[in-house]
Amino acid sequence: WMTSDLREYVNDNLRSIYFKNLDIFDHKQIIESYDKFCKDKNNKSSFQIFQVLSFLIFHKSFSQKKYV
């Protein structure tokens, strides 16, 4: 589902200014991992990407500091 139905949503979040401003993750590495995951027809697991995306959504929802 992360490579098809939700691909645009995942891409938008991982490439967002909000995510880049968190300064918690290596953004380039995560985007590269996601792109590789999308290209690999034998991809086994999206767990790491799912964890990052879940954290990002949680942080957006509950953070007091808002980024535009």
PDB file of N, CA and C in Angstrom:
ATOM      1  N   TRP A   1       0.808  -1.203   0.000  1.00  0.00           N
ATOM      2  CA  TRP A   1       0.000   0.000   0.000  1.00  0.00           C
ATOM      3  C   TRP A   1       0.849   1.263   0.000  1.00  0.00           C
ATOM      4  N   MET A   2       2.062   1.175   0.537  1.00  0.00           N
ATOM      5  CA  MET A   2       2.928   2.364   0.561  1.00  0.00           C
ATOM      6  C   MET A   2       3.560   2.648  -0.800  1.00  0.00           C
ATOM      7  N   THR A   3       3.523   1.683  -1.679  1.00  0.00           N
ATOM      8  CA  THR A   3       4.088   1.896  -3.013  1.00  0.00           C
ATOM      9  C   THR A   3       3.003   2.142  -4.050  1.00  0.00           C
ATOM     10  N   SER A   4       1.758   2.084  -3.640  1.00  0.00           N
ATOM     11  CA  SER A   4       0.683   2.286  -4.610  1.00  0.00           C
ATOM     12  C   SER A   4      -0.323   3.310  -4.102  1.00  0.00           C
ATOM     13  N   ASP A   5      -1.299   2.876  -3.358  1.00  0.00           N
ATOM     14  CA  ASP A   5      -2.388   3.745  -2.933  1.00  0.00           C
ATOM     15  C   ASP A   5      -1.939   4.962  -2.116  1.00  0.00           C
ATOM     16  N   LEU A   6      -0.961   4.772  -1.268  1.00  0.00           N
ATOM     17  CA  LEU A   6      -0.518   5.869  -0.393  1.00  0.00           C
ATOM     18  C   LEU A   6       0.828   6.468  -0.793  1.00  0.00           C
ATOM     19  N   ARG A   7       1.288   6.162  -1.961  1.00  0.00           N
ATOM     20  CA  ARG A   7       2.615   6.635  -2.377  1.00  0.00           C
ATOM     21  C   ARG A   7       2.719   8.163  -2.365  1.00  0.00           C
ATOM     22  N   GLU A   8       1.735   8.829  -2.906  1.00  0.00           N
ATOM     23  CA  GLU A   8       1.761  10.294  -2.929  1.00  0.00           C
ATOM     24  C   GLU A   8       1.730  10.867  -1.509  1.00  0.00           C
ATOM     25  N   TYR A   9       0.916  10.293  -0.657  1.00  0.00           N
ATOM     26  CA  TYR A   9       0.820  10.741   0.735  1.00  0.00           C
ATOM     27  C   TYR A   9       2.157  10.568   1.468  1.00  0.00           C
ATOM     28  N   VAL A  10       2.769   9.407   1.307  1.00  0.00           N
ATOM     29  CA  VAL A  10       4.055   9.141   1.955  1.00  0.00           C
ATOM     30  C   VAL A  10       5.117  10.096   1.417  1.00  0.00           C
ATOM     31  N   ASN A  11       5.184  10.251   0.108  1.00  0.00           N
ATOM     32  CA  ASN A  11       6.149  11.163  -0.497  1.00  0.00           C
ATOM     33  C   ASN A  11       5.961  12.590   0.000  1.00  0.00           C
ATOM     34  N   ASP A  12       4.736  13.047   0.034  1.00  0.00           N
ATOM     35  CA  ASP A  12       4.457  14.411   0.501  1.00  0.00           C
ATOM     36  C   ASP A  12       4.949  14.620   1.929  1.00  0.00           C
ATOM     37  N   ASN A  13       4.721  13.638   2.775  1.00  0.00           N
ATOM     38  CA  ASN A  13       5.143  13.765   4.170  1.00  0.00           C
ATOM     39  C   ASN A  13       6.656  13.672   4.344  1.00  0.00           C
ATOM     40  N   LEU A  14       7.273  12.735   3.651  1.00  0.00           N
ATOM     41  CA  LEU A  14       8.720  12.563   3.807  1.00  0.00           C
ATOM     42  C   LEU A  14       9.517  13.711   3.178  1.00  0.00           C
ATOM     43  N   ARG A  15       8.941  14.390   2.226  1.00  0.00           N
ATOM     44  CA  ARG A  15       9.627  15.497   1.556  1.00  0.00           C
ATOM     45  C   ARG A  15       9.147  16.864   2.050  1.00  0.00           C
ATOM     46  N   SER A  16       8.368  16.870   3.099  1.00  0.00           N
ATOM     47  CA  SER A  16       7.793  18.123   3.608  1.00  0.00           C
ATOM     48  C   SER A  16       8.826  18.950   4.391  1.00  0.00           C
ATOM     49  N   ILE A  17       8.571  20.224   4.434  1.00  0.00           N
ATOM     50  CA  ILE A  17       9.395  21.147   5.227  1.00  0.00           C
ATOM     51  C   ILE A  17       9.286  20.783   6.709  1.00  0.00           C
ATOM     52  N   TYR A  18       8.102  20.418   7.120  1.00  0.00           N
ATOM     53  CA  TYR A  18       7.897  20.034   8.523  1.00  0.00           C
ATOM     54  C   TYR A  18       8.852  18.912   8.921  1.00  0.00           C
ATOM     55  N   PHE A  19       8.923  17.882   8.101  1.00  0.00           N
ATOM     56  CA  PHE A  19       9.798  16.748   8.390  1.00  0.00           C
ATOM     57  C   PHE A  19      11.263  17.164   8.403  1.00  0.00           C
ATOM     58  N   LYS A  20      11.659  17.956   7.445  1.00  0.00           N
ATOM     59  CA  LYS A  20      13.051  18.412   7.379  1.00  0.00           C
ATOM     60  C   LYS A  20      13.423  19.286   8.567  1.00  0.00           C
ATOM     61  N   ASN A  21      12.469  20.029   9.076  1.00  0.00           N
ATOM     62  CA  ASN A  21      12.734  20.913  10.214  1.00  0.00           C
ATOM     63  C   ASN A  21      12.819  20.175  11.551  1.00  0.00           C
ATOM     64  N   LEU A  22      12.454  18.924  11.582  1.00  0.00           N
ATOM     65  CA  LEU A  22      12.535  18.175  12.839  1.00  0.00           C
ATOM     66  C   LEU A  22      13.972  17.934  13.280  1.00  0.00           C
ATOM     67  N   ASP A  23      14.877  17.796  12.358  1.00  0.00           N
ATOM     68  CA  ASP A  23      16.289  17.557  12.676  1.00  0.00           C
ATOM     69  C   ASP A  23      16.495  16.364  13.606  1.00  0.00           C
ATOM     70  N   ILE A  24      15.723  15.348  13.387  1.00  0.00           N
ATOM     71  CA  ILE A  24      15.852  14.119  14.168  1.00  0.00           C
ATOM     72  C   ILE A  24      16.402  12.997  13.304  1.00  0.00           C
ATOM     73  N   PHE A  25      15.995  12.982  12.047  1.00  0.00           N
ATOM     74  CA  PHE A  25      16.328  11.898  11.136  1.00  0.00           C
ATOM     75  C   PHE A  25      17.290  12.359  10.052  1.00  0.00           C
ATOM     76  N   ASP A  26      17.904  11.396   9.422  1.00  0.00           N
ATOM     77  CA  ASP A  26      18.699  11.658   8.228  1.00  0.00           C
ATOM     78  C   ASP A  26      17.728  11.618   7.042  1.00  0.00           C
ATOM     79  N   HIS A  27      17.236  12.773   6.663  1.00  0.00           N
ATOM     80  CA  HIS A  27      16.178  12.878   5.661  1.00  0.00           C
ATOM     81  C   HIS A  27      16.564  12.250   4.329  1.00  0.00           C
ATOM     82  N   LYS A  28      17.771  12.515   3.901  1.00  0.00           N
ATOM     83  CA  LYS A  28      18.217  11.962   2.615  1.00  0.00           C
ATOM     84  C   LYS A  28      18.206  10.439   2.645  1.00  0.00           C
ATOM     85  N   GLN A  29      18.697   9.876   3.719  1.00  0.00           N
ATOM     86  CA  GLN A  29      18.755   8.416   3.835  1.00  0.00           C
ATOM     87  C   GLN A  29      17.348   7.819   3.848  1.00  0.00           C
ATOM     88  N   ILE A  30      16.433   8.441   4.522  1.00  0.00           N
ATOM     89  CA  ILE A  30      15.064   7.934   4.595  1.00  0.00           C
ATOM     90  C   ILE A  30      14.386   8.011   3.234  1.00  0.00           C
ATOM     91  N   ILE A  31      14.555   9.115   2.543  1.00  0.00           N
ATOM     92  CA  ILE A  31      13.971   9.260   1.209  1.00  0.00           C
ATOM     93  C   ILE A  31      14.593   8.256   0.245  1.00  0.00           C
ATOM     94  N   GLU A  32      15.893   8.073   0.327  1.00  0.00           N
ATOM     95  CA  GLU A  32      16.557   7.078  -0.517  1.00  0.00           C
ATOM     96  C   GLU A  32      16.032   5.669  -0.215  1.00  0.00           C
ATOM     97  N   SER A  33      15.853   5.371   1.046  1.00  0.00           N
ATOM     98  CA  SER A  33      15.331   4.060   1.438  1.00  0.00           C
ATOM     99  C   SER A  33      13.915   3.863   0.908  1.00  0.00           C
ATOM    100  N   TYR A  34      13.123   4.893   1.009  1.00  0.00           N
ATOM    101  CA  TYR A  34      11.752   4.796   0.517  1.00  0.00           C
ATOM    102  C   TYR A  34      11.724   4.631  -1.009  1.00  0.00           C
ATOM    103  N   ASP A  35      12.523   5.410  -1.708  1.00  0.00           N
ATOM    104  CA  ASP A  35      12.589   5.295  -3.168  1.00  0.00           C
ATOM    105  C   ASP A  35      13.053   3.899  -3.585  1.00  0.00           C
ATOM    106  N   LYS A  36      14.046   3.381  -2.889  1.00  0.00           N
ATOM    107  CA  LYS A  36      14.536   2.029  -3.172  1.00  0.00           C
ATOM    108  C   LYS A  36      13.445   1.000  -2.893  1.00  0.00           C
ATOM    109  N   PHE A  37      12.753   1.179  -1.804  1.00  0.00           N
ATOM    110  CA  PHE A  37      11.651   0.284  -1.451  1.00  0.00           C
ATOM    111  C   PHE A  37      10.577   0.281  -2.545  1.00  0.00           C
ATOM    112  N   CYS A  38      10.264   1.442  -3.080  1.00  0.00           N
ATOM    113  CA  CYS A  38       9.235   1.553  -4.126  1.00  0.00           C
ATOM    114  C   CYS A  38       9.676   0.905  -5.438  1.00  0.00           C
ATOM    115  N   LYS A  39      10.949   0.977  -5.734  1.00  0.00           N
ATOM    116  CA  LYS A  39      11.457   0.428  -6.996  1.00  0.00           C
ATOM    117  C   LYS A  39      11.652  -1.083  -6.953  1.00  0.00           C
ATOM    118  N   ASP A  40      11.902  -1.611  -5.779  1.00  0.00           N
ATOM    119  CA  ASP A  40      12.195  -3.044  -5.627  1.00  0.00           C
ATOM    120  C   ASP A  40      10.898  -3.852  -5.657  1.00  0.00           C
ATOM    121  N   LYS A  41      10.735  -4.667  -6.682  1.00  0.00           N
ATOM    122  CA  LYS A  41       9.522  -5.481  -6.815  1.00  0.00           C
ATOM    123  C   LYS A  41       9.453  -6.587  -5.759  1.00  0.00           C
ATOM    124  N   ASN A  42      10.582  -6.923  -5.180  1.00  0.00           N
ATOM    125  CA  ASN A  42      10.625  -7.975  -4.160  1.00  0.00           C
ATOM    126  C   ASN A  42      10.729  -7.408  -2.753  1.00  0.00           C
ATOM    127  N   ASN A  43      10.237  -6.187  -2.577  1.00  0.00           N
ATOM    128  CA  ASN A  43      10.375  -5.568  -1.265  1.00  0.00           C
ATOM    129  C   ASN A  43       9.682  -6.424  -0.202  1.00  0.00           C
ATOM    130  N   LYS A  44      10.375  -6.593   0.863  1.00  0.00           N
ATOM    131  CA  LYS A  44       9.922  -7.493   1.916  1.00  0.00           C
ATOM    132  C   LYS A  44       9.183  -6.774   3.039  1.00  0.00           C
ATOM    133  N   SER A  45       9.687  -5.614   3.424  1.00  0.00           N
ATOM    134  CA  SER A  45       9.119  -4.964   4.591  1.00  0.00           C
ATOM    135  C   SER A  45       9.227  -3.446   4.477  1.00  0.00           C
ATOM    136  N   SER A  46       8.191  -2.802   4.915  1.00  0.00           N
ATOM    137  CA  SER A  46       8.176  -1.344   4.965  1.00  0.00           C
ATOM    138  C   SER A  46       8.189  -0.863   6.412  1.00  0.00           C
ATOM    139  N   PHE A  47       8.576  -1.733   7.317  1.00  0.00           N
ATOM    140  CA  PHE A  47       8.465  -1.423   8.743  1.00  0.00           C
ATOM    141  C   PHE A  47       9.217  -0.155   9.132  1.00  0.00           C
ATOM    142  N   GLN A  48      10.455  -0.002   8.683  1.00  0.00           N
ATOM    143  CA  GLN A  48      11.235   1.180   9.054  1.00  0.00           C
ATOM    144  C   GLN A  48      10.575   2.452   8.526  1.00  0.00           C
ATOM    145  N   ILE A  49      10.144   2.433   7.307  1.00  0.00           N
ATOM    146  CA  ILE A  49       9.491   3.604   6.716  1.00  0.00           C
ATOM    147  C   ILE A  49       8.184   3.879   7.446  1.00  0.00           C
ATOM    148  N   PHE A  50       7.459   2.826   7.752  1.00  0.00           N
ATOM    149  CA  PHE A  50       6.214   2.974   8.496  1.00  0.00           C
ATOM    150  C   PHE A  50       6.455   3.607   9.867  1.00  0.00           C
ATOM    151  N   GLN A  51       7.517   3.222  10.534  1.00  0.00           N
ATOM    152  CA  GLN A  51       7.840   3.804  11.838  1.00  0.00           C
ATOM    153  C   GLN A  51       8.096   5.308  11.721  1.00  0.00           C
ATOM    154  N   VAL A  52       8.882   5.692  10.744  1.00  0.00           N
ATOM    155  CA  VAL A  52       9.205   7.107  10.556  1.00  0.00           C
ATOM    156  C   VAL A  52       7.936   7.882  10.225  1.00  0.00           C
ATOM    157  N   LEU A  53       7.145   7.367   9.320  1.00  0.00           N
ATOM    158  CA  LEU A  53       5.909   8.033   8.928  1.00  0.00           C
ATOM    159  C   LEU A  53       4.952   8.148  10.116  1.00  0.00           C
ATOM    160  N   SER A  54       4.836   7.103  10.900  1.00  0.00           N
ATOM    161  CA  SER A  54       3.975   7.131  12.088  1.00  0.00           C
ATOM    162  C   SER A  54       4.436   8.189  13.083  1.00  0.00           C
ATOM    163  N   PHE A  55       5.744   8.239  13.309  1.00  0.00           N
ATOM    164  CA  PHE A  55       6.277   9.257  14.205  1.00  0.00           C
ATOM    165  C   PHE A  55       5.970  10.652  13.679  1.00  0.00           C
ATOM    166  N   LEU A  56       6.185  10.854  12.397  1.00  0.00           N
ATOM    167  CA  LEU A  56       5.954  12.158  11.798  1.00  0.00           C
ATOM    168  C   LEU A  56       4.495  12.589  11.958  1.00  0.00           C
ATOM    169  N   ILE A  57       3.575  11.707  11.679  1.00  0.00           N
ATOM    170  CA  ILE A  57       2.151  12.029  11.809  1.00  0.00           C
ATOM    171  C   ILE A  57       1.791  12.300  13.269  1.00  0.00           C
ATOM    172  N   PHE A  58       2.314  11.486  14.164  1.00  0.00           N
ATOM    173  CA  PHE A  58       2.084  11.699  15.594  1.00  0.00           C
ATOM    174  C   PHE A  58       2.634  13.057  16.026  1.00  0.00           C
ATOM    175  N   HIS A  59       3.844  13.354  15.612  1.00  0.00           N
ATOM    176  CA  HIS A  59       4.485  14.609  15.991  1.00  0.00           C
ATOM    177  C   HIS A  59       3.697  15.805  15.455  1.00  0.00           C
ATOM    178  N   LYS A  60       3.258  15.736  14.228  1.00  0.00           N
ATOM    179  CA  LYS A  60       2.449  16.812  13.636  1.00  0.00           C
ATOM    180  C   LYS A  60       1.170  17.035  14.429  1.00  0.00           C
ATOM    181  N   SER A  61       0.573  15.958  14.865  1.00  0.00           N
ATOM    182  CA  SER A  61      -0.706  16.039  15.562  1.00  0.00           C
ATOM    183  C   SER A  61      -0.585  16.589  16.977  1.00  0.00           C
ATOM    184  N   PHE A  62       0.518  16.302  17.638  1.00  0.00           N
ATOM    185  CA  PHE A  62       0.616  16.629  19.049  1.00  0.00           C
ATOM    186  C   PHE A  62       1.705  17.625  19.415  1.00  0.00           C
ATOM    187  N   SER A  63       2.411  18.107  18.451  1.00  0.00           N
ATOM    188  CA  SER A  63       3.470  19.074  18.733  1.00  0.00           C
ATOM    189  C   SER A  63       2.869  20.453  18.981  1.00  0.00           C
ATOM    190  N   GLN A  64       3.463  21.153  19.923  1.00  0.00           N
ATOM    191  CA  GLN A  64       3.025  22.527  20.173  1.00  0.00           C
ATOM    192  C   GLN A  64       3.686  23.484  19.209  1.00  0.00           C
ATOM    193  N   LYS A  65       4.846  23.097  18.702  1.00  0.00           N
ATOM    194  CA  LYS A  65       5.551  23.924  17.738  1.00  0.00           C
ATOM    195  C   LYS A  65       5.020  23.591  16.357  1.00  0.00           C
ATOM    196  N   LYS A  66       4.452  24.575  15.686  1.00  0.00           N
ATOM    197  CA  LYS A  66       3.841  24.351  14.381  1.00  0.00           C
ATOM    198  C   LYS A  66       4.734  24.943  13.287  1.00  0.00           C
ATOM    199  N   TYR A  67       4.955  24.161  12.263  1.00  0.00           N
ATOM    200  CA  TYR A  67       5.708  24.603  11.105  1.00  0.00           C
ATOM    201  C   TYR A  67       4.730  24.832   9.970  1.00  0.00           C
ATOM    202  N   VAL A  68       5.032  25.784   9.157  1.00  0.00           N
ATOM    203  CA  VAL A  68       4.160  26.071   8.008  1.00  0.00           C
ATOM    204  C   VAL A  68       4.677  25.353   6.799  1.00  0.00           C
TER     205      VAL A  68
END
